[in-house]
Amino acid sequence: MEILLLIAAMVVVGLIMTYVSSLIWKGDLPVGGSNAYIVGILTAVIVGLLDWFVIPAMGFSDTLKYLGAALEPALSVPIVFWIIKKAKS
């Protein structure tokens, strides 16, 4: 049940951060239209799940797991858009 809540939260984070990224780049995201939202959601879900499973496997505390799962997906979406934009140019 915890994983489903994590995935649902990461979908919401992906949607919000894609919208924020479109404001940062003034609508000129490297992938157009609905594809930007798909990339944002996938990025947030993948990074969130990696944080959820990798941080405890590395021996860190549960507090760091929750902190990483909350912050890293939100930061990774604009970074992935920036990487895609640089790769295209």
Protein backbone atom coordinates (compact mmCIF):
# COMPACT_ATOMS: atom_id res chain seq x y z
CA MET A 1 0.00 0.00 0.00
CA GLU A 2 2.90 2.32 0.78
CA ILE A 3 4.29 1.90 -2.74
CA LEU A 4 0.96 2.83 -4.34
CA LEU A 5 0.81 6.02 -2.29
CA LEU A 6 4.40 6.79 -3.26
CA ILE A 7 3.66 6.29 -6.95
CA ALA A 8 0.50 8.43 -6.72
CA ALA A 9 2.45 11.18 -4.98
CA MET A 10 5.21 11.02 -7.60
CA VAL A 11 2.64 11.32 -10.41
CA VAL A 12 1.33 14.49 -8.79
CA VAL A 13 4.88 15.79 -8.29
CA GLY A 14 5.67 15.03 -11.94
CA LEU A 15 2.62 16.95 -13.13
CA ILE A 16 3.33 19.94 -10.92
CA MET A 17 7.02 20.12 -11.77
CA THR A 18 6.33 19.81 -15.50
CA TYR A 19 3.99 22.77 -15.21
CA VAL A 20 6.60 24.72 -13.23
CA SER A 21 9.24 23.80 -15.81
CA SER A 22 7.02 25.10 -18.60
CA LEU A 23 6.82 28.40 -16.70
CA ILE A 24 10.60 28.48 -16.32
CA TRP A 25 11.19 27.85 -20.03
CA LYS A 26 8.15 29.95 -21.01
CA GLY A 27 6.38 27.04 -22.69
CA ASP A 28 9.42 26.05 -24.76
CA LEU A 29 10.03 22.62 -23.27
CA PRO A 30 12.29 20.25 -25.22
CA VAL A 31 9.46 17.78 -25.74
CA GLY A 32 6.20 19.31 -26.84
CA GLY A 33 2.70 19.18 -25.46
CA SER A 34 1.54 16.14 -23.58
CA ASN A 35 4.88 14.41 -24.11
CA ALA A 36 6.40 16.81 -21.60
CA TYR A 37 3.96 15.63 -18.96
CA ILE A 38 4.72 11.99 -19.74
CA VAL A 39 8.46 12.64 -19.40
CA GLY A 40 7.91 14.58 -16.16
CA ILE A 41 5.75 11.85 -14.61
CA LEU A 42 8.13 9.07 -15.64
CA THR A 43 11.12 10.97 -14.29
CA ALA A 44 9.46 11.65 -10.94
CA VAL A 45 8.22 8.07 -10.53
CA ILE A 46 11.56 6.49 -11.47
CA VAL A 47 13.61 8.79 -9.24
CA GLY A 48 11.13 8.41 -6.37
CA LEU A 49 11.21 4.62 -6.55
CA LEU A 50 14.99 4.59 -6.82
CA ASP A 51 15.24 6.75 -3.71
CA TRP A 52 12.74 4.56 -1.90
CA PHE A 53 14.70 1.36 -2.49
CA VAL A 54 18.33 2.43 -2.97
CA ILE A 55 18.77 4.75 0.03
CA PRO A 56 17.90 2.03 2.60
CA ALA A 57 20.01 -0.50 0.67
CA MET A 58 22.97 1.84 1.09
CA GLY A 59 22.47 1.75 4.86
CA PHE A 60 20.99 5.18 5.41
CA SER A 61 18.11 5.86 7.79
CA ASP A 62 14.42 5.91 6.99
CA THR A 63 14.37 9.65 7.56
CA LEU A 64 16.77 10.15 4.67
CA LYS A 65 14.65 7.78 2.56
CA TYR A 66 11.57 9.93 3.10
CA LEU A 67 13.50 13.15 2.56
CA GLY A 68 15.05 11.85 -0.67
CA ALA A 69 11.73 10.55 -1.98
CA ALA A 70 10.16 13.94 -1.28
CA LEU A 71 12.82 16.26 -2.70
CA GLU A 72 14.76 14.49 -5.43
CA PRO A 73 11.89 13.77 -7.85
CA ALA A 74 10.85 17.42 -7.71
CA LEU A 75 14.39 18.55 -8.47
CA SER A 76 15.05 15.91 -11.12
CA VAL A 77 12.21 16.86 -13.50
CA PRO A 78 13.62 20.30 -14.47
CA ILE A 79 17.13 18.80 -14.63
CA VAL A 80 15.96 16.10 -17.05
CA PHE A 81 14.27 18.73 -19.23
CA TRP A 82 17.47 20.76 -19.22
CA ILE A 83 19.52 17.68 -20.22
CA ILE A 84 17.11 16.88 -23.06
CA LYS A 85 17.21 20.49 -24.24
CA LYS A 86 21.04 20.51 -24.24
CA ALA A 87 21.15 17.14 -26.03
CA LYS A 88 18.86 18.43 -28.79
CA SER A 89 20.94 21.55 -29.44
